[in-house]
Amino acid sequence: MPGSANLNIMMKAARKAGRSLVKDFREVENLQVSMKGAGDFVSRADIAAEAILKEELLGARPTYGWLAEESAEIPGADPTRRWIVDPLDGTTNFLHGLPHWAISIALEHKGQIVAGVIFDAAKEEMFYAEKGEGAWLNDSQRLRVSGRHRMIESVFSTGLPFGGRADLPETLQDLARILPATAGVRRWGAASLDMAYVAAGRYEGFWERSLQPWDLAAGVILVKEAGGLIEPINPEGDIVEDGEVVCANEPIFSTFAKVVRNG
């Protein structure tokens, strides 16, 4: 699908950074049997990918702002637009040689996400969406959320706290409510791809708390443009700023959101 100039800039940047990460991923697969040096290697790969994205995106649109995981925020000369970027979502998977990680790029305009790209370079899957133009996979596959109507037939995804994070008890309570009502819950370790998979109908829904803006910004527009419903877990909150989200297809959303929120 032909996109706007901005969307084409985003996809070009994602592909260029993806080539760098795929090359590094082949190396980290050899390193992952030993922790010595592997973490530092992945950090360098992450930073190198962000440098590529920054050069491509700010080079093409130097007046836009910049918010990304590995570098300081840059206010833009145009205060209404900013790039929101995660150069490597799924770092732990990358470190362990697991081919489930992505580059996530969103464009925000006046506080709203208007375009998003999530590139799974290991599988050559480019998910992208633009406001009013639908959600797409690679060159021509239109994305639509799942058509399932029953929670018990549905598969959902989430993230699980690690390293002693304080939100573990809340997440365990979520799982205690949600698991009995569903066909399963998956934890694959990359929030951007979880949301892309909801847009593609691979999952019926996704929820998670304690995310960063770059984890979910691109996923927001993908889900919306694929016909899904998406809200902050706190109905009075803001998805990107608060870092919490619940999304699903329309038939299941209200039931699913109620279960998530009844914590």
C-alpha atoms as a PDB file:
ATOM      1  CA  MET A   1       0.000   0.000   0.000  1.00  0.00           C
ATOM      2  CA  PRO A   2       1.491   3.397  -0.909  1.00  0.00           C
ATOM      3  CA  GLY A   3       1.719   5.593   2.180  1.00  0.00           C
ATOM      4  CA  SER A   4       2.452   9.190   2.983  1.00  0.00           C
ATOM      5  CA  ALA A   5       5.954  10.618   2.802  1.00  0.00           C
ATOM      6  CA  ASN A   6       6.262  10.294   6.580  1.00  0.00           C
ATOM      7  CA  LEU A   7       5.197   6.656   6.570  1.00  0.00           C
ATOM      8  CA  ASN A   8       7.691   5.840   3.832  1.00  0.00           C
ATOM      9  CA  ILE A   9      10.443   7.567   5.836  1.00  0.00           C
ATOM     10  CA  MET A  10       9.494   5.459   8.861  1.00  0.00           C
ATOM     11  CA  MET A  11       9.545   2.184   6.946  1.00  0.00           C
ATOM     12  CA  LYS A  12      12.834   2.998   5.250  1.00  0.00           C
ATOM     13  CA  ALA A  13      14.402   3.804   8.640  1.00  0.00           C
ATOM     14  CA  ALA A  14      13.014   0.598  10.180  1.00  0.00           C
ATOM     15  CA  ARG A  15      14.425  -1.541   7.371  1.00  0.00           C
ATOM     16  CA  LYS A  16      17.867   0.061   7.631  1.00  0.00           C
ATOM     17  CA  ALA A  17      18.011  -0.409  11.418  1.00  0.00           C
ATOM     18  CA  GLY A  18      16.597  -3.911  10.970  1.00  0.00           C
ATOM     19  CA  ARG A  19      19.484  -4.926   8.716  1.00  0.00           C
ATOM     20  CA  SER A  20      21.935  -3.811  11.404  1.00  0.00           C
ATOM     21  CA  LEU A  21      20.082  -5.701  14.135  1.00  0.00           C
ATOM     22  CA  VAL A  22      19.747  -8.908  12.091  1.00  0.00           C
ATOM     23  CA  LYS A  23      23.508  -8.884  11.509  1.00  0.00           C
ATOM     24  CA  ASP A  24      24.105  -8.419  15.247  1.00  0.00           C
ATOM     25  CA  PHE A  25      21.488 -11.042  16.100  1.00  0.00           C
ATOM     26  CA  ARG A  26      23.441 -13.658  14.187  1.00  0.00           C
ATOM     27  CA  GLU A  27      26.425 -12.815  16.386  1.00  0.00           C
ATOM     28  CA  VAL A  28      24.472 -12.818  19.640  1.00  0.00           C
ATOM     29  CA  GLU A  29      23.142 -16.304  18.888  1.00  0.00           C
ATOM     30  CA  ASN A  30      26.740 -17.431  19.228  1.00  0.00           C
ATOM     31  CA  LEU A  31      27.228 -15.422  22.415  1.00  0.00           C
ATOM     32  CA  GLN A  32      24.023 -16.352  24.208  1.00  0.00           C
ATOM     33  CA  VAL A  33      25.457 -19.554  25.749  1.00  0.00           C
ATOM     34  CA  SER A  34      27.654 -17.352  27.946  1.00  0.00           C
ATOM     35  CA  MET A  35      26.654 -14.187  29.788  1.00  0.00           C
ATOM     36  CA  LYS A  36      30.191 -12.825  29.586  1.00  0.00           C
ATOM     37  CA  GLY A  37      30.037  -9.899  27.200  1.00  0.00           C
ATOM     38  CA  ALA A  38      26.642 -10.794  25.731  1.00  0.00           C
ATOM     39  CA  GLY A  39      24.715  -8.099  27.604  1.00  0.00           C
ATOM     40  CA  ASP A  40      27.188  -5.420  26.568  1.00  0.00           C
ATOM     41  CA  PHE A  41      27.062  -6.650  22.987  1.00  0.00           C
ATOM     42  CA  VAL A  42      23.265  -6.315  22.877  1.00  0.00           C
ATOM     43  CA  SER A  43      23.460  -2.859  24.432  1.00  0.00           C
ATOM     44  CA  ARG A  44      25.807  -1.800  21.649  1.00  0.00           C
ATOM     45  CA  ALA A  45      23.467  -3.298  19.028  1.00  0.00           C
ATOM     46  CA  ASP A  46      20.520  -1.427  20.565  1.00  0.00           C
ATOM     47  CA  ILE A  47      22.380   1.892  20.632  1.00  0.00           C
ATOM     48  CA  ALA A  48      23.655   1.412  17.072  1.00  0.00           C
ATOM     49  CA  ALA A  49      20.120   0.754  15.829  1.00  0.00           C
ATOM     50  CA  GLU A  50      18.836   3.877  17.572  1.00  0.00           C
ATOM     51  CA  ALA A  51      21.622   5.935  15.990  1.00  0.00           C
ATOM     52  CA  ILE A  52      20.505   4.729  12.542  1.00  0.00           C
ATOM     53  CA  LEU A  53      16.872   5.557  13.280  1.00  0.00           C
ATOM     54  CA  LYS A  54      17.761   8.971  14.651  1.00  0.00           C
ATOM     55  CA  GLU A  55      19.861   9.820  11.615  1.00  0.00           C
ATOM     56  CA  GLU A  56      17.149   8.698   9.192  1.00  0.00           C
ATOM     57  CA  LEU A  57      14.129  10.180  10.973  1.00  0.00           C
ATOM     58  CA  LEU A  58      15.583  13.490  12.167  1.00  0.00           C
ATOM     59  CA  GLY A  59      17.581  13.794   8.971  1.00  0.00           C
ATOM     60  CA  ALA A  60      14.355  13.691   6.992  1.00  0.00           C
ATOM     61  CA  ARG A  61      12.303  15.730   9.489  1.00  0.00           C
ATOM     62  CA  PRO A  62      14.758  17.865  11.510  1.00  0.00           C
ATOM     63  CA  THR A  63      12.047  20.014  13.118  1.00  0.00           C
ATOM     64  CA  TYR A  64      10.258  17.079  14.769  1.00  0.00           C
ATOM     65  CA  GLY A  65      10.798  16.167  18.416  1.00  0.00           C
ATOM     66  CA  TRP A  66      12.395  12.907  19.522  1.00  0.00           C
ATOM     67  CA  LEU A  67      11.520  10.491  22.338  1.00  0.00           C
ATOM     68  CA  ALA A  68      13.364   7.164  22.438  1.00  0.00           C
ATOM     69  CA  GLU A  69      14.582   4.526  24.855  1.00  0.00           C
ATOM     70  CA  GLU A  70      18.355   4.916  24.569  1.00  0.00           C
ATOM     71  CA  SER A  71      18.872   8.689  24.305  1.00  0.00           C
ATOM     72  CA  ALA A  72      17.725  11.968  25.809  1.00  0.00           C
ATOM     73  CA  GLU A  73      14.472  13.522  24.654  1.00  0.00           C
ATOM     74  CA  ILE A  74      14.853  16.275  22.065  1.00  0.00           C
ATOM     75  CA  PRO A  75      12.183  18.997  21.855  1.00  0.00           C
ATOM     76  CA  GLY A  76      11.458  19.821  18.238  1.00  0.00           C
ATOM     77  CA  ALA A  77      11.296  23.222  16.607  1.00  0.00           C
ATOM     78  CA  ASP A  78       7.836  22.004  15.574  1.00  0.00           C
ATOM     79  CA  PRO A  79       6.239  21.391  18.991  1.00  0.00           C
ATOM     80  CA  THR A  80       3.239  19.591  17.484  1.00  0.00           C
ATOM     81  CA  ARG A  81       5.137  16.579  16.101  1.00  0.00           C
ATOM     82  CA  ARG A  82       7.548  14.055  17.564  1.00  0.00           C
ATOM     83  CA  TRP A  83       8.970  10.651  16.798  1.00  0.00           C
ATOM     84  CA  ILE A  84       8.484   8.009  19.522  1.00  0.00           C
ATOM     85  CA  VAL A  85      10.983   5.197  18.968  1.00  0.00           C
ATOM     86  CA  ASP A  86      12.028   1.872  20.446  1.00  0.00           C
ATOM     87  CA  PRO A  87      15.063   0.612  18.507  1.00  0.00           C
ATOM     88  CA  LEU A  88      14.840  -2.872  20.020  1.00  0.00           C
ATOM     89  CA  ASP A  89      11.670  -4.018  21.765  1.00  0.00           C
ATOM     90  CA  GLY A  90      12.326  -7.477  23.153  1.00  0.00           C
ATOM     91  CA  THR A  91      15.927  -6.987  24.235  1.00  0.00           C
ATOM     92  CA  THR A  92      15.880 -10.026  26.522  1.00  0.00           C
ATOM     93  CA  ASN A  93      14.689 -12.221  23.653  1.00  0.00           C
ATOM     94  CA  PHE A  94      17.455 -10.789  21.456  1.00  0.00           C
ATOM     95  CA  LEU A  95      20.035 -11.492  24.164  1.00  0.00           C
ATOM     96  CA  HIS A  96      18.921 -15.115  24.424  1.00  0.00           C
ATOM     97  CA  GLY A  97      18.886 -15.751  20.690  1.00  0.00           C
ATOM     98  CA  LEU A  98      15.073 -15.831  20.510  1.00  0.00           C
ATOM     99  CA  PRO A  99      13.814 -14.419  17.178  1.00  0.00           C
ATOM    100  CA  HIS A 100      10.964 -12.359  18.611  1.00  0.00           C
ATOM    101  CA  TRP A 101      11.875  -8.680  18.801  1.00  0.00           C
ATOM    102  CA  ALA A 102      11.008  -5.564  16.847  1.00  0.00           C
ATOM    103  CA  ILE A 103      11.728  -1.971  15.935  1.00  0.00           C
ATOM    104  CA  SER A 104       8.856   0.339  16.845  1.00  0.00           C
ATOM    105  CA  ILE A 105       8.390   3.842  15.397  1.00  0.00           C
ATOM    106  CA  ALA A 106       5.406   6.132  15.988  1.00  0.00           C
ATOM    107  CA  LEU A 107       4.656   9.646  14.812  1.00  0.00           C
ATOM    108  CA  GLU A 108       2.714  11.819  17.234  1.00  0.00           C
ATOM    109  CA  HIS A 109       0.887  14.967  16.078  1.00  0.00           C
ATOM    110  CA  LYS A 110      -0.775  17.260  18.612  1.00  0.00           C
ATOM    111  CA  GLY A 111      -0.823  14.517  21.225  1.00  0.00           C
ATOM    112  CA  GLN A 112      -2.303  11.851  18.926  1.00  0.00           C
ATOM    113  CA  ILE A 113      -0.490   8.949  17.269  1.00  0.00           C
ATOM    114  CA  VAL A 114      -1.059   9.394  13.527  1.00  0.00           C
ATOM    115  CA  ALA A 115       1.302   6.774  12.073  1.00  0.00           C
ATOM    116  CA  GLY A 116       3.055   3.667  13.343  1.00  0.00           C
ATOM    117  CA  VAL A 117       5.521   1.054  12.116  1.00  0.00           C
ATOM    118  CA  ILE A 118       6.468  -2.159  13.918  1.00  0.00           C
ATOM    119  CA  PHE A 119       9.130  -4.139  12.071  1.00  0.00           C
ATOM    120  CA  ASP A 120       9.870  -7.732  13.020  1.00  0.00           C
ATOM    121  CA  ALA A 121      13.159  -7.926  11.128  1.00  0.00           C
ATOM    122  CA  ALA A 122      13.886 -11.546  12.094  1.00  0.00           C
ATOM    123  CA  LYS A 123      10.661 -12.693  10.382  1.00  0.00           C
ATOM    124  CA  GLU A 124      10.537  -9.960   7.716  1.00  0.00           C
ATOM    125  CA  GLU A 125       7.121  -8.742   8.887  1.00  0.00           C
ATOM    126  CA  MET A 126       6.464  -5.010   8.552  1.00  0.00           C
ATOM    127  CA  PHE A 127       3.291  -3.928  10.353  1.00  0.00           C
ATOM    128  CA  TYR A 128       2.226  -0.345   9.659  1.00  0.00           C
ATOM    129  CA  ALA A 129      -0.741   1.984   9.931  1.00  0.00           C
ATOM    130  CA  GLU A 130      -1.675   5.565   9.271  1.00  0.00           C
ATOM    131  CA  LYS A 131      -4.671   7.480  10.591  1.00  0.00           C
ATOM    132  CA  GLY A 132      -7.646   6.853   8.334  1.00  0.00           C
ATOM    133  CA  GLU A 133      -5.736   4.526   5.994  1.00  0.00           C
ATOM    134  CA  GLY A 134      -6.088   1.145   7.702  1.00  0.00           C
ATOM    135  CA  ALA A 135      -3.459  -1.234   9.064  1.00  0.00           C
ATOM    136  CA  TRP A 136      -1.269  -3.357   6.841  1.00  0.00           C
ATOM    137  CA  LEU A 137       1.314  -6.139   6.818  1.00  0.00           C
ATOM    138  CA  ASN A 138       4.148  -5.965   4.275  1.00  0.00           C
ATOM    139  CA  ASP A 139       3.131  -4.727   0.854  1.00  0.00           C
ATOM    140  CA  SER A 140      -0.509  -5.589   0.482  1.00  0.00           C
ATOM    141  CA  GLN A 141      -2.099  -7.555   3.332  1.00  0.00           C
ATOM    142  CA  ARG A 142      -4.848  -5.564   5.036  1.00  0.00           C
ATOM    143  CA  LEU A 143      -5.034  -6.259   8.771  1.00  0.00           C
ATOM    144  CA  ARG A 144      -8.254  -6.837  10.676  1.00  0.00           C
ATOM    145  CA  VAL A 145      -8.737  -7.805  14.296  1.00  0.00           C
ATOM    146  CA  SER A 146     -10.107 -11.244  15.123  1.00  0.00           C
ATOM    147  CA  GLY A 147     -13.793 -11.968  14.655  1.00  0.00           C
ATOM    148  CA  ARG A 148     -14.180 -14.201  17.708  1.00  0.00           C
ATOM    149  CA  HIS A 149     -17.031 -13.315  20.063  1.00  0.00           C
ATOM    150  CA  ARG A 150     -16.386 -15.457  23.146  1.00  0.00           C
ATOM    151  CA  MET A 151     -13.665 -14.985  25.764  1.00  0.00           C
ATOM    152  CA  ILE A 152     -13.395 -18.725  26.350  1.00  0.00           C
ATOM    153  CA  GLU A 153     -12.397 -19.229  22.693  1.00  0.00           C
ATOM    154  CA  SER A 154      -9.917 -16.332  22.739  1.00  0.00           C
ATOM    155  CA  VAL A 155      -6.179 -16.017  23.286  1.00  0.00           C
ATOM    156  CA  PHE A 156      -4.765 -12.921  24.990  1.00  0.00           C
ATOM    157  CA  SER A 157      -1.281 -11.591  25.608  1.00  0.00           C
ATOM    158  CA  THR A 158       0.390  -9.594  28.343  1.00  0.00           C
ATOM    159  CA  GLY A 159       3.749  -8.910  29.944  1.00  0.00           C
ATOM    160  CA  LEU A 160       4.931 -10.427  33.195  1.00  0.00           C
ATOM    161  CA  PRO A 161       7.041  -8.507  35.725  1.00  0.00           C
ATOM    162  CA  PHE A 162      10.670  -9.557  36.061  1.00  0.00           C
ATOM    163  CA  GLY A 163      13.540  -8.801  38.392  1.00  0.00           C
ATOM    164  CA  GLY A 164      11.401  -8.217  41.472  1.00  0.00           C
ATOM    165  CA  ARG A 165       9.238  -5.441  40.025  1.00  0.00           C
ATOM    166  CA  ALA A 166       6.617  -4.058  42.397  1.00  0.00           C
ATOM    167  CA  ASP A 167       3.672  -4.786  40.082  1.00  0.00           C
ATOM    168  CA  LEU A 168       3.998  -8.587  40.368  1.00  0.00           C
ATOM    169  CA  PRO A 169       1.103  -9.012  42.877  1.00  0.00           C
ATOM    170  CA  GLU A 170      -1.246  -6.988  40.659  1.00  0.00           C
ATOM    171  CA  THR A 171      -0.272  -9.019  37.599  1.00  0.00           C
ATOM    172  CA  LEU A 172      -0.855 -12.304  39.427  1.00  0.00           C
ATOM    173  CA  GLN A 173      -4.316 -11.055  40.398  1.00  0.00           C
ATOM    174  CA  ASP A 174      -4.987 -10.192  36.753  1.00  0.00           C
ATOM    175  CA  LEU A 175      -4.007 -13.694  35.680  1.00  0.00           C
ATOM    176  CA  ALA A 176      -6.163 -15.303  38.365  1.00  0.00           C
ATOM    177  CA  ARG A 177      -9.203 -13.502  36.925  1.00  0.00           C
ATOM    178  CA  ILE A 178      -8.393 -13.787  33.230  1.00  0.00           C
ATOM    179  CA  LEU A 179      -6.934 -17.297  32.775  1.00  0.00           C
ATOM    180  CA  PRO A 180     -10.118 -19.205  33.777  1.00  0.00           C
ATOM    181  CA  ALA A 181     -12.182 -17.159  31.300  1.00  0.00           C
ATOM    182  CA  THR A 182      -9.989 -17.667  28.219  1.00  0.00           C
ATOM    183  CA  ALA A 183      -8.411 -20.176  25.842  1.00  0.00           C
ATOM    184  CA  GLY A 184      -4.998 -18.991  27.003  1.00  0.00           C
ATOM    185  CA  VAL A 185      -2.627 -16.131  27.804  1.00  0.00           C
ATOM    186  CA  ARG A 186       0.729 -15.689  26.090  1.00  0.00           C
ATOM    187  CA  ARG A 187       3.826 -13.810  27.269  1.00  0.00           C
ATOM    188  CA  TRP A 188       6.246 -13.398  24.366  1.00  0.00           C
ATOM    189  CA  GLY A 189       8.274 -10.486  25.677  1.00  0.00           C
ATOM    190  CA  ALA A 190       7.699  -7.676  23.147  1.00  0.00           C
ATOM    191  CA  ALA A 191       4.701  -5.405  23.769  1.00  0.00           C
ATOM    192  CA  SER A 192       4.882  -3.820  20.325  1.00  0.00           C
ATOM    193  CA  LEU A 193       4.484  -7.214  18.645  1.00  0.00           C
ATOM    194  CA  ASP A 194       1.705  -8.175  21.060  1.00  0.00           C
ATOM    195  CA  MET A 195      -0.267  -5.170  19.823  1.00  0.00           C
ATOM    196  CA  ALA A 196       0.622  -5.852  16.188  1.00  0.00           C
ATOM    197  CA  TYR A 197      -0.650  -9.408  16.662  1.00  0.00           C
ATOM    198  CA  VAL A 198      -3.970  -8.086  18.023  1.00  0.00           C
ATOM    199  CA  ALA A 199      -4.239  -5.927  14.894  1.00  0.00           C
ATOM    200  CA  ALA A 200      -3.496  -8.996  12.752  1.00  0.00           C
ATOM    201  CA  GLY A 201      -6.129 -11.142  14.503  1.00  0.00           C
ATOM    202  CA  ARG A 202      -3.525 -13.507  15.949  1.00  0.00           C
ATOM    203  CA  TYR A 203      -4.534 -12.564  19.491  1.00  0.00           C
ATOM    204  CA  GLU A 204      -7.989 -11.414  20.521  1.00  0.00           C
ATOM    205  CA  GLY A 205      -6.625  -8.904  23.023  1.00  0.00           C
ATOM    206  CA  PHE A 206      -3.724  -7.544  25.052  1.00  0.00           C
ATOM    207  CA  TRP A 207      -3.280  -5.775  28.365  1.00  0.00           C
ATOM    208  CA  GLU A 208      -0.279  -4.545  30.293  1.00  0.00           C
ATOM    209  CA  ARG A 209       0.777  -1.980  32.882  1.00  0.00           C
ATOM    210  CA  SER A 210       4.050  -0.166  33.553  1.00  0.00           C
ATOM    211  CA  LEU A 211       5.071   0.288  29.922  1.00  0.00           C
ATOM    212  CA  GLN A 212       7.018   3.166  28.416  1.00  0.00           C
ATOM    213  CA  PRO A 213       5.668   5.398  25.613  1.00  0.00           C
ATOM    214  CA  TRP A 214       7.999   3.815  23.038  1.00  0.00           C
ATOM    215  CA  ASP A 215       6.752   0.320  23.957  1.00  0.00           C
ATOM    216  CA  LEU A 216       3.192   0.941  22.835  1.00  0.00           C
ATOM    217  CA  ALA A 217       2.844   4.153  20.789  1.00  0.00           C
ATOM    218  CA  ALA A 218       3.010   2.488  17.354  1.00  0.00           C
ATOM    219  CA  GLY A 219       0.735  -0.325  18.504  1.00  0.00           C
ATOM    220  CA  VAL A 220      -2.014   2.120  19.423  1.00  0.00           C
ATOM    221  CA  ILE A 221      -2.702   3.176  15.841  1.00  0.00           C
ATOM    222  CA  LEU A 222      -2.233  -0.339  14.472  1.00  0.00           C
ATOM    223  CA  VAL A 223      -5.000  -1.682  16.714  1.00  0.00           C
ATOM    224  CA  LYS A 224      -7.322   1.254  15.978  1.00  0.00           C
ATOM    225  CA  GLU A 225      -6.832   1.098  12.217  1.00  0.00           C
ATOM    226  CA  ALA A 226      -7.379  -2.687  12.231  1.00  0.00           C
ATOM    227  CA  GLY A 227     -10.810  -2.167  13.796  1.00  0.00           C
ATOM    228  CA  GLY A 228      -9.925  -2.885  17.412  1.00  0.00           C
ATOM    229  CA  LEU A 229     -10.837  -0.969  20.535  1.00  0.00           C
ATOM    230  CA  ILE A 230      -8.103   0.340  22.806  1.00  0.00           C
ATOM    231  CA  GLU A 231      -8.201   2.278  26.085  1.00  0.00           C
ATOM    232  CA  PRO A 232      -6.053   2.968  29.137  1.00  0.00           C
ATOM    233  CA  ILE A 233      -6.748   0.545  31.972  1.00  0.00           C
ATOM    234  CA  ASN A 234      -7.735   3.578  34.035  1.00  0.00           C
ATOM    235  CA  PRO A 235     -10.548   5.014  31.885  1.00  0.00           C
ATOM    236  CA  GLU A 236      -9.576   8.540  32.942  1.00  0.00           C
ATOM    237  CA  GLY A 237      -5.924   8.051  31.998  1.00  0.00           C
ATOM    238  CA  ASP A 238      -3.802   8.313  28.855  1.00  0.00           C
ATOM    239  CA  ILE A 239      -2.376   5.223  27.156  1.00  0.00           C
ATOM    240  CA  VAL A 240       0.974   6.631  26.019  1.00  0.00           C
ATOM    241  CA  GLU A 241       1.686   8.877  28.993  1.00  0.00           C
ATOM    242  CA  ASP A 242       0.513   6.400  31.655  1.00  0.00           C
ATOM    243  CA  GLY A 243       2.000   3.321  29.995  1.00  0.00           C
ATOM    244  CA  GLU A 244      -1.006   1.069  30.503  1.00  0.00           C
ATOM    245  CA  VAL A 245      -3.345  -0.390  27.949  1.00  0.00           C
ATOM    246  CA  VAL A 246      -6.184  -2.803  27.331  1.00  0.00           C
ATOM    247  CA  CYS A 247      -7.229  -3.618  23.761  1.00  0.00           C
ATOM    248  CA  ALA A 248      -9.284  -6.231  21.938  1.00  0.00           C
ATOM    249  CA  ASN A 249     -11.668  -6.755  19.077  1.00  0.00           C
ATOM    250  CA  GLU A 250     -15.031  -5.025  19.440  1.00  0.00           C
ATOM    251  CA  PRO A 251     -17.206  -8.051  20.386  1.00  0.00           C
ATOM    252  CA  ILE A 252     -14.926  -9.002  23.287  1.00  0.00           C
ATOM    253  CA  PHE A 253     -13.582  -5.625  24.417  1.00  0.00           C
ATOM    254  CA  SER A 254     -16.167  -4.630  27.035  1.00  0.00           C
ATOM    255  CA  THR A 255     -16.092  -8.034  28.763  1.00  0.00           C
ATOM    256  CA  PHE A 256     -12.326  -8.279  28.608  1.00  0.00           C
ATOM    257  CA  ALA A 257     -11.761  -4.710  29.853  1.00  0.00           C
ATOM    258  CA  LYS A 258     -14.160  -5.303  32.741  1.00  0.00           C
ATOM    259  CA  VAL A 259     -12.239  -8.408  33.814  1.00  0.00           C
ATOM    260  CA  VAL A 260      -8.909  -6.535  33.613  1.00  0.00           C
ATOM    261  CA  ARG A 261     -10.246  -3.540  35.556  1.00  0.00           C
ATOM    262  CA  ASN A 262     -11.930  -5.505  38.311  1.00  0.00           C
ATOM    263  CA  GLY A 263      -8.642  -5.786  40.190  1.00  0.00           C
END
